[in-house]
N, C-alpha and C. Protein backbone atom coordinates (compact mmCIF):
# COMPACT_ATOMS: atom_id res chain seq x y z
N MET A 1 8.84 4.79 -33.48
CA MET A 1 8.66 4.15 -32.21
C MET A 1 8.50 5.23 -31.28
N ARG A 2 9.48 6.13 -31.29
CA ARG A 2 9.30 7.41 -30.24
C ARG A 2 8.07 7.95 -30.26
N SER A 3 7.53 8.33 -31.59
CA SER A 3 6.32 9.18 -31.50
C SER A 3 5.06 8.46 -30.80
N SER A 4 5.05 7.10 -30.86
CA SER A 4 4.16 6.50 -30.12
C SER A 4 4.15 6.35 -28.80
N VAL A 5 5.37 6.40 -27.94
CA VAL A 5 5.47 6.53 -26.69
C VAL A 5 5.50 7.61 -26.13
N LEU A 6 5.49 8.94 -26.48
CA LEU A 6 5.23 9.91 -25.67
C LEU A 6 3.70 10.12 -25.64
N PRO A 7 2.86 9.90 -26.56
CA PRO A 7 1.37 10.26 -26.38
C PRO A 7 0.86 9.16 -25.20
N THR A 8 1.27 8.09 -25.19
CA THR A 8 0.93 7.15 -24.29
C THR A 8 1.53 7.51 -22.97
N LEU A 9 2.76 8.13 -22.88
CA LEU A 9 3.21 8.57 -21.48
C LEU A 9 2.43 9.62 -21.00
N PHE A 10 2.05 10.38 -21.86
CA PHE A 10 1.30 11.71 -21.58
C PHE A 10 -0.02 11.26 -20.89
N LEU A 11 -0.77 10.40 -21.73
CA LEU A 11 -1.99 9.93 -21.38
C LEU A 11 -1.89 9.26 -19.84
N SER A 12 -1.00 8.50 -19.75
CA SER A 12 -1.07 7.58 -18.41
C SER A 12 -0.60 8.65 -17.36
N LEU A 13 -0.07 10.07 -17.55
CA LEU A 13 0.13 10.83 -16.40
C LEU A 13 -1.32 11.51 -16.24
N LEU A 14 -2.09 11.67 -16.97
CA LEU A 14 -3.41 12.28 -16.64
C LEU A 14 -4.25 11.20 -15.94
N LEU A 15 -4.15 9.82 -15.77
CA LEU A 15 -5.07 8.80 -15.40
C LEU A 15 -5.42 9.55 -13.75
N PRO A 16 -4.25 9.48 -12.91
CA PRO A 16 -4.74 9.93 -11.54
C PRO A 16 -5.44 10.90 -11.46
N VAL A 17 -5.28 11.99 -12.23
CA VAL A 17 -5.96 13.29 -12.20
C VAL A 17 -7.51 12.89 -12.57
N GLY A 18 -7.93 12.02 -13.41
CA GLY A 18 -9.32 11.61 -13.91
C GLY A 18 -9.92 10.88 -12.64
N ALA A 19 -9.07 9.87 -11.95
CA ALA A 19 -9.53 9.25 -11.11
C ALA A 19 -10.16 10.09 -9.83
N HIS A 20 -9.71 10.97 -9.65
CA HIS A 20 -10.06 12.13 -8.46
C HIS A 20 -11.18 12.83 -8.85
N ALA A 21 -11.66 12.98 -10.41
CA ALA A 21 -12.66 13.62 -10.71
C ALA A 21 -14.05 13.20 -10.35
N SER A 22 -14.16 11.89 -9.80
CA SER A 22 -15.37 11.19 -9.78
C SER A 22 -15.56 11.23 -8.02
N CYS A 23 -14.86 11.84 -7.24
CA CYS A 23 -14.68 11.81 -5.87
C CYS A 23 -15.62 12.89 -5.33
N ILE A 24 -16.29 12.78 -4.09
CA ILE A 24 -17.30 13.50 -3.53
C ILE A 24 -16.83 14.33 -2.57
N THR A 25 -17.33 15.53 -2.39
CA THR A 25 -16.72 16.49 -1.50
C THR A 25 -18.11 16.56 -0.32
N PRO A 26 -17.70 16.22 0.83
CA PRO A 26 -18.67 16.03 2.14
C PRO A 26 -19.32 17.29 2.17
N ASP A 27 -20.75 17.41 2.23
CA ASP A 27 -21.42 18.63 2.51
C ASP A 27 -22.50 18.43 3.30
N GLY A 28 -22.98 17.05 3.99
CA GLY A 28 -23.89 16.93 4.73
C GLY A 28 -25.41 16.92 4.07
N ALA A 29 -25.47 17.38 2.75
CA ALA A 29 -26.89 17.35 2.11
C ALA A 29 -27.59 16.27 2.07
N GLY A 30 -27.03 15.07 2.28
CA GLY A 30 -27.73 13.66 2.29
C GLY A 30 -28.64 13.48 3.82
N PHE A 31 -28.41 14.46 4.70
CA PHE A 31 -29.02 14.17 5.91
C PHE A 31 -29.69 15.50 6.39
N ASP A 32 -30.59 15.15 7.22
CA ASP A 32 -31.47 16.21 7.93
C ASP A 32 -30.62 16.25 9.56
N LEU A 33 -29.67 17.27 9.67
CA LEU A 33 -28.95 17.37 10.97
C LEU A 33 -29.83 18.10 12.00
N GLN A 34 -29.81 17.59 13.09
CA GLN A 34 -30.61 18.24 14.30
C GLN A 34 -29.61 17.64 15.52
N GLY A 35 -28.89 18.72 15.93
CA GLY A 35 -27.91 18.53 17.13
C GLY A 35 -27.06 17.14 17.03
N ASP A 36 -27.28 16.24 17.86
CA ASP A 36 -26.28 14.98 17.72
C ASP A 36 -26.72 13.97 17.05
N GLU A 37 -27.80 14.27 16.01
CA GLU A 37 -28.46 13.31 15.22
C GLU A 37 -28.39 13.61 13.92
N ALA A 38 -28.11 12.58 12.84
CA ALA A 38 -28.14 12.86 11.69
C ALA A 38 -29.07 11.97 10.93
N THR A 39 -30.21 12.19 10.34
CA THR A 39 -31.00 11.47 9.70
C THR A 39 -30.96 11.35 8.06
N SER A 40 -30.86 10.16 7.72
CA SER A 40 -30.48 9.91 6.18
C SER A 40 -31.82 10.18 5.61
N ARG A 41 -31.70 11.30 4.59
CA ARG A 41 -32.93 11.39 3.65
C ARG A 41 -33.27 10.16 2.82
N GLU A 42 -32.19 9.39 2.53
CA GLU A 42 -32.44 8.27 1.35
C GLU A 42 -32.95 6.98 2.20
N HIS A 43 -32.11 6.84 3.33
CA HIS A 43 -32.48 5.46 3.87
C HIS A 43 -33.35 5.35 5.06
N GLY A 44 -33.87 6.67 5.59
CA GLY A 44 -34.70 6.53 6.94
C GLY A 44 -34.07 6.21 7.95
N LEU A 45 -32.97 6.35 8.05
CA LEU A 45 -31.97 5.92 9.53
C LEU A 45 -31.71 7.19 10.23
N THR A 46 -32.00 7.17 11.49
CA THR A 46 -31.23 8.23 12.24
C THR A 46 -30.16 7.86 13.03
N TRP A 47 -28.83 8.56 12.90
CA TRP A 47 -27.48 7.95 13.34
C TRP A 47 -26.89 9.19 14.52
N LYS A 48 -26.29 8.75 15.35
CA LYS A 48 -25.90 9.40 16.41
C LYS A 48 -24.49 9.97 15.47
N ARG A 49 -24.36 11.37 15.71
CA ARG A 49 -23.18 12.01 14.86
C ARG A 49 -21.70 11.59 15.39
N CYS A 50 -21.63 11.26 16.87
CA CYS A 50 -20.56 10.96 17.27
C CYS A 50 -20.32 9.54 17.72
N ALA A 51 -19.21 9.04 17.63
CA ALA A 51 -18.99 7.77 18.13
C ALA A 51 -19.22 7.64 19.76
N ILE A 52 -19.43 6.62 20.21
CA ILE A 52 -19.65 6.19 21.58
C ILE A 52 -18.50 6.74 22.35
N GLY A 53 -18.78 7.36 23.48
CA GLY A 53 -17.46 7.94 24.40
C GLY A 53 -17.31 9.53 23.67
N MET A 54 -17.68 9.93 22.71
CA MET A 54 -17.48 11.24 22.44
C MET A 54 -18.65 11.98 22.55
N GLN A 55 -18.84 13.29 22.67
CA GLN A 55 -20.01 14.21 22.75
C GLN A 55 -20.08 15.23 21.87
N TRP A 56 -21.52 15.55 21.58
CA TRP A 56 -21.54 16.51 20.67
C TRP A 56 -21.51 17.93 21.39
N ASP A 57 -20.67 18.76 20.77
CA ASP A 57 -20.45 20.26 21.22
C ASP A 57 -21.13 20.99 20.32
N ALA A 58 -22.46 21.50 20.64
CA ALA A 58 -22.99 22.38 19.96
C ALA A 58 -22.63 23.75 19.58
N GLY A 59 -21.71 24.32 20.21
CA GLY A 59 -21.08 25.50 20.09
C GLY A 59 -20.07 25.45 19.14
N VAL A 60 -19.50 24.33 18.85
CA VAL A 60 -18.44 24.14 17.48
C VAL A 60 -19.09 23.25 16.41
N GLN A 61 -20.39 22.80 16.69
CA GLN A 61 -20.66 21.73 15.84
C GLN A 61 -19.95 20.68 15.44
N SER A 62 -19.49 20.15 16.50
CA SER A 62 -18.60 18.90 16.29
C SER A 62 -18.61 18.24 17.40
N CYS A 63 -17.84 16.86 17.27
CA CYS A 63 -17.63 16.02 18.45
C CYS A 63 -16.33 15.97 19.12
N SER A 64 -16.57 15.99 20.37
CA SER A 64 -15.33 16.11 21.21
C SER A 64 -15.36 15.10 22.25
N GLY A 65 -13.99 14.93 22.98
CA GLY A 65 -13.77 14.01 23.67
C GLY A 65 -13.18 12.72 22.96
N ALA A 66 -13.07 11.72 23.60
CA ALA A 66 -12.52 10.40 23.22
C ALA A 66 -13.19 9.26 22.90
N ALA A 67 -13.41 8.99 21.49
CA ALA A 67 -14.18 7.42 21.27
C ALA A 67 -13.74 6.41 22.22
N ARG A 68 -14.70 5.65 22.61
CA ARG A 68 -14.62 4.48 23.35
C ARG A 68 -14.54 3.28 22.57
N ASP A 69 -13.34 2.51 22.77
CA ASP A 69 -13.41 1.28 22.01
C ASP A 69 -13.93 0.09 22.71
N LEU A 70 -15.12 -0.58 22.33
CA LEU A 70 -15.82 -1.45 22.96
C LEU A 70 -15.61 -2.71 21.93
N GLY A 71 -15.99 -3.91 22.87
CA GLY A 71 -16.07 -5.36 22.22
C GLY A 71 -17.77 -5.10 21.58
N LEU A 72 -18.04 -6.10 20.66
CA LEU A 72 -19.23 -5.94 20.11
C LEU A 72 -20.39 -6.00 21.16
N ASN A 73 -20.13 -7.23 21.93
CA ASN A 73 -21.26 -7.38 22.99
C ASN A 73 -21.69 -6.05 23.97
N GLU A 74 -20.50 -5.59 24.43
CA GLU A 74 -20.32 -4.29 24.97
C GLU A 74 -21.04 -3.26 24.34
N ALA A 75 -20.89 -3.06 23.19
CA ALA A 75 -21.48 -1.97 22.23
C ALA A 75 -22.99 -2.40 22.17
N ILE A 76 -23.38 -3.66 22.04
CA ILE A 76 -24.88 -3.85 21.98
C ILE A 76 -25.39 -3.53 23.36
N ASP A 77 -24.77 -3.86 24.31
CA ASP A 77 -25.26 -3.66 25.74
C ASP A 77 -25.50 -2.30 25.91
N PHE A 78 -24.40 -1.40 25.32
CA PHE A 78 -24.48 0.13 25.72
C PHE A 78 -25.76 0.81 24.92
N ALA A 79 -25.84 0.26 23.73
CA ALA A 79 -26.99 0.85 22.81
C ALA A 79 -28.04 0.48 23.65
N LYS A 80 -28.34 -0.58 24.21
CA LYS A 80 -29.65 -0.72 24.97
C LYS A 80 -29.97 0.23 26.14
N THR A 81 -28.97 0.57 26.74
CA THR A 81 -29.15 1.77 27.76
C THR A 81 -29.40 2.86 27.33
N GLN A 82 -29.43 3.22 25.95
CA GLN A 82 -29.62 4.66 25.46
C GLN A 82 -31.16 4.82 25.01
N GLY A 83 -31.84 3.38 25.19
CA GLY A 83 -33.37 3.69 24.94
C GLY A 83 -33.59 3.98 23.34
N ASP A 84 -35.04 4.38 23.40
CA ASP A 84 -35.46 4.93 22.26
C ASP A 84 -35.00 4.40 20.74
N GLY A 85 -34.77 3.04 20.92
CA GLY A 85 -34.34 2.18 19.57
C GLY A 85 -33.14 2.24 19.20
N TRP A 86 -32.15 3.04 19.85
CA TRP A 86 -30.65 2.88 19.52
C TRP A 86 -30.11 1.44 19.42
N ARG A 87 -29.37 1.28 18.39
CA ARG A 87 -28.62 -0.22 18.23
C ARG A 87 -27.52 0.01 17.35
N VAL A 88 -26.60 -1.23 17.69
CA VAL A 88 -25.36 -1.10 16.74
C VAL A 88 -25.99 -1.34 15.18
N PRO A 89 -25.47 -0.89 14.28
CA PRO A 89 -25.95 -1.05 12.94
C PRO A 89 -25.47 -2.21 12.32
N THR A 90 -26.36 -2.71 11.40
CA THR A 90 -25.88 -3.74 10.52
C THR A 90 -24.92 -3.39 9.40
N GLY A 91 -24.41 -4.36 8.84
CA GLY A 91 -23.33 -3.97 7.76
C GLY A 91 -23.94 -3.25 6.68
N GLN A 92 -25.18 -3.54 6.39
CA GLN A 92 -26.00 -2.86 5.19
C GLN A 92 -26.04 -1.49 5.48
N GLU A 93 -26.31 -1.25 6.70
CA GLU A 93 -26.73 0.08 7.09
C GLU A 93 -25.55 1.04 7.34
N LEU A 94 -24.43 0.60 7.95
CA LEU A 94 -23.22 1.13 8.03
C LEU A 94 -22.57 1.64 6.74
N GLU A 95 -22.94 0.48 5.69
CA GLU A 95 -22.36 0.90 4.48
C GLU A 95 -23.16 2.08 3.69
N THR A 96 -24.03 2.32 4.26
CA THR A 96 -24.70 3.51 3.48
C THR A 96 -24.00 4.63 3.89
N LEU A 97 -23.20 4.63 4.74
CA LEU A 97 -22.42 5.94 5.22
C LEU A 97 -21.07 6.31 4.49
N ILE A 98 -20.53 5.14 3.75
CA ILE A 98 -19.41 5.09 3.07
C ILE A 98 -19.67 6.22 1.84
N LEU A 99 -18.47 7.00 1.94
CA LEU A 99 -18.37 8.13 0.91
C LEU A 99 -17.29 8.21 0.07
N ASP A 100 -17.33 8.24 -1.32
CA ASP A 100 -16.06 8.06 -1.96
C ASP A 100 -15.45 9.72 -1.97
N THR A 101 -14.75 10.00 -0.80
CA THR A 101 -14.34 11.36 -0.60
C THR A 101 -12.87 11.23 -1.37
N CYS A 102 -12.82 12.76 -1.71
CA CYS A 102 -11.50 13.11 -2.49
C CYS A 102 -10.20 12.92 -1.43
N GLU A 103 -10.56 13.07 -0.34
CA GLU A 103 -9.46 12.80 0.83
C GLU A 103 -10.23 12.86 2.09
N GLY A 104 -9.26 12.47 3.12
CA GLY A 104 -9.86 12.17 4.40
C GLY A 104 -10.57 10.95 4.57
N PRO A 105 -11.49 11.18 5.72
CA PRO A 105 -12.31 9.95 5.90
C PRO A 105 -13.29 9.56 4.99
N LYS A 106 -13.65 8.36 4.84
CA LYS A 106 -14.75 8.08 3.61
C LYS A 106 -16.04 8.00 4.15
N ILE A 107 -16.30 9.04 4.99
CA ILE A 107 -17.77 9.25 5.44
C ILE A 107 -17.67 10.70 5.36
N ASP A 108 -19.28 11.54 5.46
CA ASP A 108 -19.39 12.63 5.41
C ASP A 108 -19.25 13.47 6.60
N GLY A 109 -18.03 14.01 6.47
CA GLY A 109 -17.60 14.87 7.60
C GLY A 109 -18.35 16.04 8.28
N VAL A 110 -19.24 16.48 7.45
CA VAL A 110 -20.03 17.47 7.85
C VAL A 110 -21.22 16.73 8.78
N ALA A 111 -21.64 15.65 8.22
CA ALA A 111 -22.75 14.98 9.25
C ALA A 111 -22.12 14.27 10.08
N PHE A 112 -21.08 13.75 10.09
CA PHE A 112 -20.29 13.02 11.17
C PHE A 112 -18.84 13.61 11.29
N PRO A 113 -18.69 14.80 11.99
CA PRO A 113 -17.59 15.62 12.15
C PRO A 113 -16.67 14.66 13.23
N ASN A 114 -15.23 15.00 12.91
CA ASN A 114 -14.51 14.47 13.75
C ASN A 114 -14.33 12.95 14.10
N ILE A 115 -14.56 12.16 12.71
CA ILE A 115 -14.43 10.79 12.79
C ILE A 115 -12.95 10.36 12.99
N ALA A 116 -12.16 11.18 12.26
CA ALA A 116 -10.62 11.13 12.17
C ALA A 116 -10.37 10.79 13.68
N ALA A 117 -10.83 11.45 14.58
CA ALA A 117 -10.29 11.22 16.14
C ALA A 117 -10.68 9.78 16.67
N THR A 118 -11.17 9.11 15.79
CA THR A 118 -11.34 7.48 16.22
C THR A 118 -10.43 6.65 15.56
N ASP A 119 -9.24 7.32 14.95
CA ASP A 119 -8.34 6.50 14.12
C ASP A 119 -7.10 6.48 15.13
N PHE A 120 -6.89 5.19 15.69
CA PHE A 120 -5.76 5.17 16.61
C PHE A 120 -4.68 4.37 15.78
N GLY A 121 -4.40 4.82 14.68
CA GLY A 121 -3.30 4.19 13.97
C GLY A 121 -3.66 3.04 12.88
N ASP A 122 -4.73 2.39 13.02
CA ASP A 122 -5.05 1.15 12.39
C ASP A 122 -6.30 1.60 11.15
N GLY A 123 -6.66 2.93 11.45
CA GLY A 123 -8.12 3.39 10.86
C GLY A 123 -9.21 3.66 11.63
N ALA A 124 -10.18 4.12 11.24
CA ALA A 124 -11.16 4.56 11.98
C ALA A 124 -12.24 3.29 11.94
N LEU A 125 -12.23 2.43 12.79
CA LEU A 125 -13.01 1.03 12.69
C LEU A 125 -14.17 1.08 13.48
N PHE A 126 -15.08 0.65 12.94
CA PHE A 126 -16.42 0.74 13.44
C PHE A 126 -17.34 -0.46 13.31
N TRP A 127 -17.72 -1.11 14.29
CA TRP A 127 -18.42 -2.41 14.34
C TRP A 127 -19.93 -2.35 13.51
N THR A 128 -20.18 -3.50 13.01
CA THR A 128 -21.46 -3.61 12.73
C THR A 128 -22.12 -4.88 13.25
N SER A 129 -23.40 -5.07 13.57
CA SER A 129 -23.89 -6.27 14.08
C SER A 129 -24.12 -7.49 13.09
N THR A 130 -23.48 -7.45 11.95
CA THR A 130 -23.64 -8.45 10.81
C THR A 130 -22.58 -9.65 11.23
N GLU A 131 -22.92 -10.76 11.20
CA GLU A 131 -22.14 -11.72 11.55
C GLU A 131 -21.57 -12.21 9.99
N ALA A 132 -20.32 -12.20 9.84
CA ALA A 132 -19.48 -12.61 8.55
C ALA A 132 -19.52 -14.35 8.57
N MET A 133 -19.11 -14.87 9.76
CA MET A 133 -19.12 -16.17 9.96
C MET A 133 -18.98 -16.50 11.29
N PRO A 134 -19.35 -17.80 11.65
CA PRO A 134 -19.55 -17.98 13.07
C PRO A 134 -18.40 -17.09 13.95
N ASP A 135 -18.96 -16.42 15.10
CA ASP A 135 -18.17 -15.67 16.06
C ASP A 135 -17.30 -14.67 15.39
N MET A 136 -17.55 -14.17 14.01
CA MET A 136 -16.94 -13.06 13.37
C MET A 136 -17.85 -12.13 12.79
N PHE A 137 -17.54 -10.96 13.14
CA PHE A 137 -18.47 -9.82 12.62
C PHE A 137 -17.71 -8.72 11.72
N TYR A 138 -18.45 -8.34 11.10
CA TYR A 138 -17.96 -7.23 10.04
C TYR A 138 -17.77 -5.97 10.70
N PHE A 139 -17.00 -5.23 10.31
CA PHE A 139 -16.49 -3.99 10.67
C PHE A 139 -16.20 -2.98 9.33
N PHE A 140 -16.30 -1.80 9.50
CA PHE A 140 -15.85 -0.76 8.54
C PHE A 140 -14.67 0.23 8.82
N ASP A 141 -13.98 0.33 8.08
CA ASP A 141 -12.81 1.41 8.41
C ASP A 141 -13.14 2.54 7.56
N PHE A 142 -13.65 3.67 8.19
CA PHE A 142 -14.03 5.00 7.59
C PHE A 142 -12.71 5.62 7.08
N THR A 143 -11.37 5.35 7.52
CA THR A 143 -10.21 6.06 7.24
C THR A 143 -9.87 5.67 5.70
N ASN A 144 -9.93 4.31 5.58
CA ASN A 144 -9.55 3.80 4.09
C ASN A 144 -10.79 3.55 3.21
N GLY A 145 -11.80 3.29 3.90
CA GLY A 145 -13.07 2.82 3.14
C GLY A 145 -13.34 1.53 2.69
N PHE A 146 -12.93 0.52 3.60
CA PHE A 146 -12.91 -0.71 3.41
C PHE A 146 -13.74 -1.63 4.53
N PHE A 147 -14.04 -2.63 4.37
CA PHE A 147 -14.49 -3.73 5.40
C PHE A 147 -13.75 -5.07 5.61
N ASP A 148 -13.94 -5.49 6.91
CA ASP A 148 -13.31 -6.59 7.38
C ASP A 148 -13.91 -7.27 8.29
N MET A 149 -13.33 -8.43 8.91
CA MET A 149 -14.35 -9.06 9.99
C MET A 149 -13.17 -9.22 11.25
N HIS A 150 -13.74 -9.39 12.43
CA HIS A 150 -13.15 -9.78 13.66
C HIS A 150 -14.02 -10.34 14.67
N SER A 151 -13.20 -10.98 15.48
CA SER A 151 -14.07 -11.49 16.62
C SER A 151 -14.77 -10.55 17.43
N GLN A 152 -15.85 -10.78 18.15
CA GLN A 152 -16.80 -9.79 18.91
C GLN A 152 -16.03 -9.41 20.15
N GLY A 153 -15.01 -9.98 20.54
CA GLY A 153 -14.27 -9.46 21.83
C GLY A 153 -13.37 -8.31 21.50
N PHE A 154 -13.02 -8.17 20.11
CA PHE A 154 -11.91 -7.03 19.71
C PHE A 154 -12.48 -5.80 20.13
N HIS A 155 -11.83 -4.89 20.51
CA HIS A 155 -12.22 -3.36 20.76
C HIS A 155 -12.28 -2.43 19.41
N LEU A 156 -13.61 -1.95 19.16
CA LEU A 156 -13.61 -0.81 18.02
C LEU A 156 -14.51 0.17 18.40
N SER A 157 -14.60 1.09 17.53
CA SER A 157 -15.57 2.18 17.85
C SER A 157 -17.04 1.81 17.29
N VAL A 158 -17.78 2.63 17.79
CA VAL A 158 -19.19 2.33 17.42
C VAL A 158 -19.97 3.68 17.11
N LEU A 159 -20.79 3.77 16.08
CA LEU A 159 -22.05 4.60 15.72
C LEU A 159 -23.29 3.99 15.92
N LEU A 160 -24.01 4.67 16.55
CA LEU A 160 -25.50 4.02 16.94
C LEU A 160 -26.44 4.37 15.81
N VAL A 161 -27.33 3.80 15.61
CA VAL A 161 -28.27 4.07 14.71
C VAL A 161 -29.86 3.72 15.40
N LYS A 162 -30.82 4.17 14.81
CA LYS A 162 -32.23 3.79 14.94
C LYS A 162 -33.09 4.17 13.79
N ASP A 163 -34.10 3.55 13.60
CA ASP A 163 -35.13 3.75 12.76
C ASP A 163 -35.71 5.12 12.74
N SER A 164 -35.81 5.97 11.70
CA SER A 164 -36.30 7.23 12.04
C SER A 164 -37.82 7.10 12.33
N ALA A 165 -38.70 6.31 12.19
CA ALA A 165 -39.98 6.24 12.47
C ALA A 165 -40.14 6.30 14.23
N ARG A 166 -39.10 5.86 14.71
CA ARG A 166 -39.12 5.96 16.40
C ARG A 166 -38.90 7.30 16.97
N ARG A 167 -38.90 8.26 16.01
CA ARG A 167 -38.30 9.53 16.65
C ARG A 167 -39.57 10.27 17.34
């Protein structure tokens, strides 16, 4: 019996190593990066690289400042003030940004730098415009890579998106 336990124990120790073999290292390769915008080559969407409230710093190629947490209606109103088709993304659109990274935020940190700065202890939580049930809307947590829902008055971060054809 002893001889059958050791190989099983040895193989079980290797499982966590194998789980990390499929994770992705962010490199920005899926996007055309132009200043504060990232255009997805696969999905035809252009994203602001910084959360609302943060500013693009071309000198360091990153986002600086503090993210603004907004209720969903505030976020929708803010997006309208940006013109040029900017809006709060749908759940399906925001889901395209989820990346199975080996460590750190579950988003491409090259295309979307400093997303971790939006994590105020509960995760980097971002609104979608997709209603989950009456008066409840989906949001994504880019710290942990999951989605949930909340009432639209709850304050979360926002990444703006537009269709690339509007450029």
